[in-house]
Amino acid sequence: MQFSKDVDEEIGISLTSLIDVIFLLLIFFMVATTLVDPSRKLNVQLPEAKSATADNKAKPVVIEMDDNARITLNGQDVDLNVLEARLNALGQEGNNAAILRADRRLDYGRVVEVLGISRAAGFQDIGIAVR
């Protein structure tokens, strides 16, 4: 008794599903990397405002303050004395725009102190970041 083969099936991996999975992974990583901002070093909870707009004329200096009163200037940790010296140097370079990202749980007096230092350093256009 002889058995006959009906159809010769080709053995292999279906590339269609593999390409779909790789495409979805590519989209996931593209979206995930756009949500990360490497310039932000501190975990800051910004206060909310009804009207918040951004003005992107020039590259502003970014000053961040967290709830423990740690201060960073353009991503580098500084204290108040170093902040004043660096802001004076940046102000003399002709940059007069700054953005202050202060945590909402921070003491108001500390924020006003940093605003005063920024103003004394020659920064005329100081924005306060909100959500």
C-alpha atoms as a PDB file:
ATOM      1  CA  MET A   1       0.000   0.000   0.000  1.00  0.00           C
ATOM      2  CA  GLN A   2       1.401   3.332  -1.013  1.00  0.00           C
ATOM      3  CA  PHE A   3       0.545   6.650   0.511  1.00  0.00           C
ATOM      4  CA  SER A   4       0.696   9.695  -1.628  1.00  0.00           C
ATOM      5  CA  LYS A   5       1.584  13.172  -0.498  1.00  0.00           C
ATOM      6  CA  ASP A   6      -1.175  15.654  -1.178  1.00  0.00           C
ATOM      7  CA  VAL A   7       0.745  18.878  -1.183  1.00  0.00           C
ATOM      8  CA  ASP A   8       4.349  19.687  -0.426  1.00  0.00           C
ATOM      9  CA  GLU A   9       4.275  22.347   2.277  1.00  0.00           C
ATOM     10  CA  GLU A  10       7.149  24.737   2.560  1.00  0.00           C
ATOM     11  CA  ILE A  11       8.637  24.904   6.028  1.00  0.00           C
ATOM     12  CA  GLY A  12       9.548  28.424   7.216  1.00  0.00           C
ATOM     13  CA  ILE A  13       8.769  31.351   9.460  1.00  0.00           C
ATOM     14  CA  SER A  14       6.052  33.792   8.521  1.00  0.00           C
ATOM     15  CA  LEU A  15       7.732  37.190   8.275  1.00  0.00           C
ATOM     16  CA  THR A  16       4.505  39.171   8.261  1.00  0.00           C
ATOM     17  CA  SER A  17       3.870  38.877  12.000  1.00  0.00           C
ATOM     18  CA  LEU A  18       7.565  39.424  12.773  1.00  0.00           C
ATOM     19  CA  ILE A  19       7.585  42.674  10.783  1.00  0.00           C
ATOM     20  CA  ASP A  20       4.421  43.839  12.568  1.00  0.00           C
ATOM     21  CA  VAL A  21       5.986  43.263  15.986  1.00  0.00           C
ATOM     22  CA  ILE A  22       9.189  45.079  15.047  1.00  0.00           C
ATOM     23  CA  PHE A  23       7.193  47.988  13.632  1.00  0.00           C
ATOM     24  CA  LEU A  24       5.176  48.298  16.856  1.00  0.00           C
ATOM     25  CA  LEU A  25       8.364  48.216  18.948  1.00  0.00           C
ATOM     26  CA  LEU A  26       9.869  50.930  16.781  1.00  0.00           C
ATOM     27  CA  ILE A  27       6.825  53.154  17.263  1.00  0.00           C
ATOM     28  CA  PHE A  28       6.829  52.511  21.021  1.00  0.00           C
ATOM     29  CA  PHE A  29      10.470  53.537  21.452  1.00  0.00           C
ATOM     30  CA  MET A  30      10.063  56.601  19.235  1.00  0.00           C
ATOM     31  CA  VAL A  31       7.155  57.826  21.362  1.00  0.00           C
ATOM     32  CA  ALA A  32       8.839  56.928  24.654  1.00  0.00           C
ATOM     33  CA  THR A  33      12.035  58.841  23.863  1.00  0.00           C
ATOM     34  CA  THR A  34      10.176  62.007  22.899  1.00  0.00           C
ATOM     35  CA  LEU A  35       8.556  62.112  26.340  1.00  0.00           C
ATOM     36  CA  VAL A  36      11.911  62.205  28.146  1.00  0.00           C
ATOM     37  CA  ASP A  37      13.469  65.645  28.607  1.00  0.00           C
ATOM     38  CA  PRO A  38      17.160  65.215  29.470  1.00  0.00           C
ATOM     39  CA  SER A  39      17.519  68.856  30.538  1.00  0.00           C
ATOM     40  CA  ARG A  40      15.320  68.313  33.589  1.00  0.00           C
ATOM     41  CA  LYS A  41      17.403  67.012  36.456  1.00  0.00           C
ATOM     42  CA  LEU A  42      15.097  67.567  39.440  1.00  0.00           C
ATOM     43  CA  ASN A  43      11.699  66.112  40.203  1.00  0.00           C
ATOM     44  CA  VAL A  44       9.677  69.335  40.259  1.00  0.00           C
ATOM     45  CA  GLN A  45       5.897  69.538  40.627  1.00  0.00           C
ATOM     46  CA  LEU A  46       4.894  72.707  38.805  1.00  0.00           C
ATOM     47  CA  PRO A  47       1.915  74.768  39.902  1.00  0.00           C
ATOM     48  CA  GLU A  48      -1.060  74.921  37.577  1.00  0.00           C
ATOM     49  CA  ALA A  49      -2.273  78.010  35.715  1.00  0.00           C
ATOM     50  CA  LYS A  50      -5.295  78.653  33.528  1.00  0.00           C
ATOM     51  CA  SER A  51      -3.268  80.398  30.855  1.00  0.00           C
ATOM     52  CA  ALA A  52       0.199  79.046  30.187  1.00  0.00           C
ATOM     53  CA  THR A  53       2.056  79.850  26.982  1.00  0.00           C
ATOM     54  CA  ALA A  54       5.639  79.375  25.888  1.00  0.00           C
ATOM     55  CA  ASP A  55       7.707  81.944  24.024  1.00  0.00           C
ATOM     56  CA  ASN A  56      10.620  80.396  22.129  1.00  0.00           C
ATOM     57  CA  LYS A  57      12.473  83.474  20.831  1.00  0.00           C
ATOM     58  CA  ALA A  58      15.847  82.663  22.370  1.00  0.00           C
ATOM     59  CA  LYS A  59      17.354  79.822  24.359  1.00  0.00           C
ATOM     60  CA  PRO A  60      16.605  80.823  27.963  1.00  0.00           C
ATOM     61  CA  VAL A  61      18.596  79.898  31.033  1.00  0.00           C
ATOM     62  CA  VAL A  62      16.709  77.244  33.033  1.00  0.00           C
ATOM     63  CA  ILE A  63      16.759  77.490  36.837  1.00  0.00           C
ATOM     64  CA  GLU A  64      15.121  74.587  38.690  1.00  0.00           C
ATOM     65  CA  MET A  65      14.279  74.368  42.385  1.00  0.00           C
ATOM     66  CA  ASP A  66      12.877  71.220  44.004  1.00  0.00           C
ATOM     67  CA  ASP A  67      10.965  70.908  47.265  1.00  0.00           C
ATOM     68  CA  ASN A  68      14.225  70.468  49.219  1.00  0.00           C
ATOM     69  CA  ALA A  69      15.475  73.832  47.885  1.00  0.00           C
ATOM     70  CA  ARG A  70      18.113  72.183  45.685  1.00  0.00           C
ATOM     71  CA  ILE A  71      18.921  74.493  42.785  1.00  0.00           C
ATOM     72  CA  THR A  72      20.136  73.588  39.311  1.00  0.00           C
ATOM     73  CA  LEU A  73      21.229  75.979  36.580  1.00  0.00           C
ATOM     74  CA  ASN A  74      20.910  74.452  33.106  1.00  0.00           C
ATOM     75  CA  GLY A  75      21.004  70.981  34.683  1.00  0.00           C
ATOM     76  CA  GLN A  76      24.036  71.530  36.956  1.00  0.00           C
ATOM     77  CA  ASP A  77      23.674  71.606  40.758  1.00  0.00           C
ATOM     78  CA  VAL A  78      24.570  74.981  42.279  1.00  0.00           C
ATOM     79  CA  ASP A  79      24.116  76.806  45.574  1.00  0.00           C
ATOM     80  CA  LEU A  80      23.020  80.441  45.919  1.00  0.00           C
ATOM     81  CA  ASN A  81      26.533  81.942  45.790  1.00  0.00           C
ATOM     82  CA  VAL A  82      27.522  79.963  42.699  1.00  0.00           C
ATOM     83  CA  LEU A  83      24.121  80.684  41.133  1.00  0.00           C
ATOM     84  CA  GLU A  84      24.666  84.416  41.507  1.00  0.00           C
ATOM     85  CA  ALA A  85      28.161  84.242  39.979  1.00  0.00           C
ATOM     86  CA  ARG A  86      27.066  82.094  37.031  1.00  0.00           C
ATOM     87  CA  LEU A  87      23.997  84.216  36.343  1.00  0.00           C
ATOM     88  CA  ASN A  88      26.189  87.337  36.341  1.00  0.00           C
ATOM     89  CA  ALA A  89      28.498  85.670  33.808  1.00  0.00           C
ATOM     90  CA  LEU A  90      25.571  84.569  31.622  1.00  0.00           C
ATOM     91  CA  GLY A  91      23.953  87.998  31.884  1.00  0.00           C
ATOM     92  CA  GLN A  92      27.122  89.654  30.631  1.00  0.00           C
ATOM     93  CA  GLU A  93      27.115  87.366  27.583  1.00  0.00           C
ATOM     94  CA  GLY A  94      23.937  89.098  26.411  1.00  0.00           C
ATOM     95  CA  ASN A  95      21.416  86.467  27.444  1.00  0.00           C
ATOM     96  CA  ASN A  96      18.545  88.133  29.273  1.00  0.00           C
ATOM     97  CA  ALA A  97      15.916  85.355  29.290  1.00  0.00           C
ATOM     98  CA  ALA A  98      15.448  82.870  32.120  1.00  0.00           C
ATOM     99  CA  ILE A  99      12.858  80.287  33.090  1.00  0.00           C
ATOM    100  CA  LEU A 100      12.334  79.450  36.755  1.00  0.00           C
ATOM    101  CA  ARG A 101      10.920  75.977  37.398  1.00  0.00           C
ATOM    102  CA  ALA A 102      10.115  75.983  41.131  1.00  0.00           C
ATOM    103  CA  ASP A 103       8.297  73.203  42.954  1.00  0.00           C
ATOM    104  CA  ARG A 104       4.890  74.271  44.258  1.00  0.00           C
ATOM    105  CA  ARG A 105       5.702  72.893  47.725  1.00  0.00           C
ATOM    106  CA  LEU A 106       8.745  75.169  48.014  1.00  0.00           C
ATOM    107  CA  ASP A 107       8.797  78.121  50.406  1.00  0.00           C
ATOM    108  CA  TYR A 108       7.793  81.332  48.628  1.00  0.00           C
ATOM    109  CA  GLY A 109      10.713  83.262  50.140  1.00  0.00           C
ATOM    110  CA  ARG A 110      13.274  80.988  48.455  1.00  0.00           C
ATOM    111  CA  VAL A 111      11.648  81.532  45.069  1.00  0.00           C
ATOM    112  CA  VAL A 112      11.621  85.309  45.536  1.00  0.00           C
ATOM    113  CA  GLU A 113      15.291  85.193  46.564  1.00  0.00           C
ATOM    114  CA  VAL A 114      16.249  83.384  43.342  1.00  0.00           C
ATOM    115  CA  LEU A 115      14.102  85.799  41.321  1.00  0.00           C
ATOM    116  CA  GLY A 116      15.943  88.720  42.938  1.00  0.00           C
ATOM    117  CA  ILE A 117      19.334  87.195  42.153  1.00  0.00           C
ATOM    118  CA  SER A 118      18.253  86.665  38.535  1.00  0.00           C
ATOM    119  CA  ARG A 119      16.992  90.217  38.218  1.00  0.00           C
ATOM    120  CA  ALA A 120      20.207  91.626  39.750  1.00  0.00           C
ATOM    121  CA  ALA A 121      22.252  89.588  37.261  1.00  0.00           C
ATOM    122  CA  GLY A 122      20.593  91.429  34.375  1.00  0.00           C
ATOM    123  CA  PHE A 123      17.875  89.010  33.388  1.00  0.00           C
ATOM    124  CA  GLN A 124      14.908  91.133  32.318  1.00  0.00           C
ATOM    125  CA  ASP A 125      12.744  88.403  30.784  1.00  0.00           C
ATOM    126  CA  ILE A 126      12.122  85.909  33.590  1.00  0.00           C
ATOM    127  CA  GLY A 127       9.354  83.356  33.159  1.00  0.00           C
ATOM    128  CA  ILE A 128       7.908  81.050  35.776  1.00  0.00           C
ATOM    129  CA  ALA A 129       7.086  77.591  34.442  1.00  0.00           C
ATOM    130  CA  VAL A 130       3.605  76.214  35.114  1.00  0.00           C
ATOM    131  CA  ARG A 131       1.597  73.244  33.906  1.00  0.00           C
END
